[in-house]
């Protein structure tokens, strides 16, 4: 099994079958094609897309459903082709919003979600020509759960 030395997560041992392949990279990171989706109990529901090429590159993400339960996603044909997901499989896609942290403010890009196809192990950042969603959707602070009375 390959071992990946990362800046943020230390040594990660993974199966090659766990890697998501991004045929065209991610905008501004076009040379980055392979990522691992990392979930940690301490940060759930936040997940990380960790590059297998660049140890310091990990994107913070959040499932779009965490921010908008009625999120309506249309997958353009060119993205379906890149995902090799086929017709009608949009329901099986994982849709993640990339997060930006600036001081105490966290925003999510709901306009251009990252789509992952578990079946084909491919990913793409889908950027529609038109969208009612914001690229800077404010993420409300999470309340700490109290273990007391």
Protein backbone atom coordinates (compact mmCIF):
# COMPACT_ATOMS: atom_id res chain seq x y z
CA UNK A 1 0.00 0.00 0.00
CA UNK A 2 1.27 3.49 -0.81
CA UNK A 3 2.17 5.84 2.02
CA UNK A 4 1.62 9.57 1.60
CA UNK A 5 3.50 12.01 3.84
CA UNK A 6 1.22 15.03 4.27
CA UNK A 7 1.77 18.38 5.90
CA UNK A 8 -1.56 18.41 7.78
CA UNK A 9 -2.33 14.75 8.45
CA UNK A 10 1.07 13.08 8.86
CA UNK A 11 1.59 9.69 7.21
CA UNK A 12 -1.41 8.28 5.38
CA UNK A 13 -1.53 4.72 4.18
CA UNK A 14 -4.12 4.22 1.48
CA UNK A 15 -5.30 1.85 -1.20
CA UNK A 16 -4.86 3.07 -4.79
CA UNK A 17 -8.57 2.31 -5.27
CA UNK A 18 -9.38 5.09 -2.75
CA UNK A 19 -7.94 7.83 -4.98
CA UNK A 20 -10.26 10.13 -6.91
CA UNK A 21 -8.90 11.12 -10.32
CA UNK A 22 -9.65 14.66 -11.58
CA UNK A 23 -9.06 14.58 -15.36
CA UNK A 24 -8.75 18.38 -15.65
CA UNK A 25 -7.59 19.12 -12.11
CA UNK A 26 -9.31 21.82 -10.09
CA UNK A 27 -9.33 25.44 -11.34
CA UNK A 28 -6.05 27.12 -10.35
CA UNK A 29 -4.68 23.63 -9.56
CA UNK A 30 -4.85 22.09 -13.04
CA UNK A 31 -1.70 20.00 -12.43
CA UNK A 32 -3.30 18.28 -9.43
CA UNK A 33 -5.16 15.18 -10.62
CA UNK A 34 -5.31 12.75 -7.70
CA UNK A 35 -6.95 13.30 -4.33
CA UNK A 36 -7.98 11.33 -1.29
CA UNK A 37 -11.23 12.18 0.47
CA UNK A 38 -10.43 12.24 4.18
CA UNK A 39 -13.01 12.16 6.96
CA UNK A 40 -12.13 12.57 10.61
CA UNK A 41 -14.43 12.11 13.59
CA UNK A 42 -13.14 15.33 15.18
CA UNK A 43 -13.98 17.52 12.17
CA UNK A 44 -17.14 15.84 10.82
CA UNK A 45 -19.02 16.92 8.71
CA UNK A 46 -16.01 18.82 7.29
CA UNK A 47 -13.97 16.61 4.97
CA UNK A 48 -10.65 17.16 3.24
CA UNK A 49 -9.53 16.60 -0.33
CA UNK A 50 -5.85 15.77 0.09
CA UNK A 51 -3.60 15.89 -2.98
CA UNK A 52 -1.49 12.78 -3.49
CA UNK A 53 1.08 14.91 -5.37
CA UNK A 54 1.52 17.92 -3.10
CA UNK A 55 1.82 17.12 0.64
CA UNK A 56 0.71 20.61 1.72
CA UNK A 57 -2.39 20.80 -0.50
CA UNK A 58 -5.65 19.85 1.18
CA UNK A 59 -8.99 21.48 0.45
CA UNK A 60 -11.56 21.93 3.21
CA UNK A 61 -14.97 20.76 2.02
CA UNK A 62 -18.48 20.33 3.32
CA UNK A 63 -21.29 18.28 1.77
CA UNK A 64 -23.66 20.75 0.10
CA UNK A 65 -26.61 19.07 1.83
CA UNK A 66 -25.21 20.27 5.18
CA UNK A 67 -25.77 23.84 3.99
CA UNK A 68 -28.86 23.45 1.84
CA UNK A 69 -30.98 20.30 2.20
CA UNK A 70 -32.83 21.17 -1.00
CA UNK A 71 -29.69 21.84 -3.06
CA UNK A 72 -30.63 21.39 -6.72
CA UNK A 73 -27.72 20.18 -8.76
CA UNK A 74 -27.73 19.85 -12.52
CA UNK A 75 -24.67 18.09 -13.86
CA UNK A 76 -23.71 19.50 -17.26
CA UNK A 77 -23.03 16.87 -19.96
CA UNK A 78 -19.32 17.77 -20.14
CA UNK A 79 -18.97 17.10 -16.40
CA UNK A 80 -20.88 13.82 -16.70
CA UNK A 81 -18.40 12.82 -19.40
CA UNK A 82 -15.40 13.73 -17.20
CA UNK A 83 -16.92 11.84 -14.28
CA UNK A 84 -17.66 8.82 -16.49
CA UNK A 85 -20.77 8.58 -14.34
CA UNK A 86 -23.31 8.00 -17.09
CA UNK A 87 -26.89 9.21 -17.43
CA UNK A 88 -29.09 9.12 -14.36
CA UNK A 89 -26.26 8.61 -11.91
CA UNK A 90 -26.24 12.20 -10.62
CA UNK A 91 -28.02 10.93 -7.49
CA UNK A 92 -25.01 8.78 -6.62
CA UNK A 93 -22.58 11.69 -6.83
CA UNK A 94 -21.03 13.24 -3.75
CA UNK A 95 -21.39 17.04 -3.95
CA UNK A 96 -18.95 19.04 -1.84
CA UNK A 97 -18.64 22.79 -1.33
CA UNK A 98 -15.10 24.13 -1.10
CA UNK A 99 -14.67 26.17 2.06
CA UNK A 100 -12.76 29.41 2.52
CA UNK A 101 -11.72 30.55 5.98
CA UNK A 102 -10.97 34.22 6.58
CA UNK A 103 -10.51 35.09 10.24
CA UNK A 104 -13.69 33.96 12.01
CA UNK A 105 -15.69 33.83 8.77
CA UNK A 106 -16.19 30.64 6.78
CA UNK A 107 -17.81 30.67 3.36
CA UNK A 108 -18.76 27.82 1.04
CA UNK A 109 -18.75 27.76 -2.73
CA UNK A 110 -22.21 26.41 -3.55
CA UNK A 111 -22.06 27.83 -7.06
CA UNK A 112 -19.25 25.49 -8.20
CA UNK A 113 -19.34 22.26 -6.18
CA UNK A 114 -16.77 19.51 -6.38
CA UNK A 115 -18.50 16.39 -7.65
CA UNK A 116 -17.16 12.94 -6.86
CA UNK A 117 -18.33 9.73 -8.50
CA UNK A 118 -17.73 6.81 -6.12
CA UNK A 119 -18.39 4.37 -8.97
CA UNK A 120 -15.78 5.70 -11.40
CA UNK A 121 -13.51 7.26 -8.73
CA UNK A 122 -13.44 10.47 -10.74
CA UNK A 123 -13.98 14.06 -9.70
CA UNK A 124 -14.56 17.48 -11.19
CA UNK A 125 -15.31 20.97 -9.97
CA UNK A 126 -18.54 21.72 -11.80
CA UNK A 127 -18.82 25.36 -12.81
CA UNK A 128 -22.23 26.04 -14.40
CA UNK A 129 -22.71 28.96 -16.76
CA UNK A 130 -25.64 30.12 -14.63
CA UNK A 131 -26.52 29.45 -11.02
CA UNK A 132 -28.69 30.91 -8.28
CA UNK A 133 -26.14 29.79 -5.71
CA UNK A 134 -23.38 31.93 -4.24
CA UNK A 135 -19.68 31.24 -4.34
CA UNK A 136 -19.48 32.87 -0.90
CA UNK A 137 -22.34 31.29 1.03
CA UNK A 138 -21.87 32.12 4.71
CA UNK A 139 -21.40 28.99 6.83
CA UNK A 140 -23.05 29.52 10.21
CA UNK A 141 -20.94 28.68 13.27
CA UNK A 142 -21.69 25.26 14.74
CA UNK A 143 -22.97 25.19 18.29
CA UNK A 144 -21.01 23.07 20.70
CA UNK A 145 -23.03 20.14 22.00
CA UNK A 146 -23.28 20.23 25.77
CA UNK A 147 -22.89 17.00 27.62
CA UNK A 148 -24.59 18.31 30.73
CA UNK A 149 -28.11 18.84 31.93
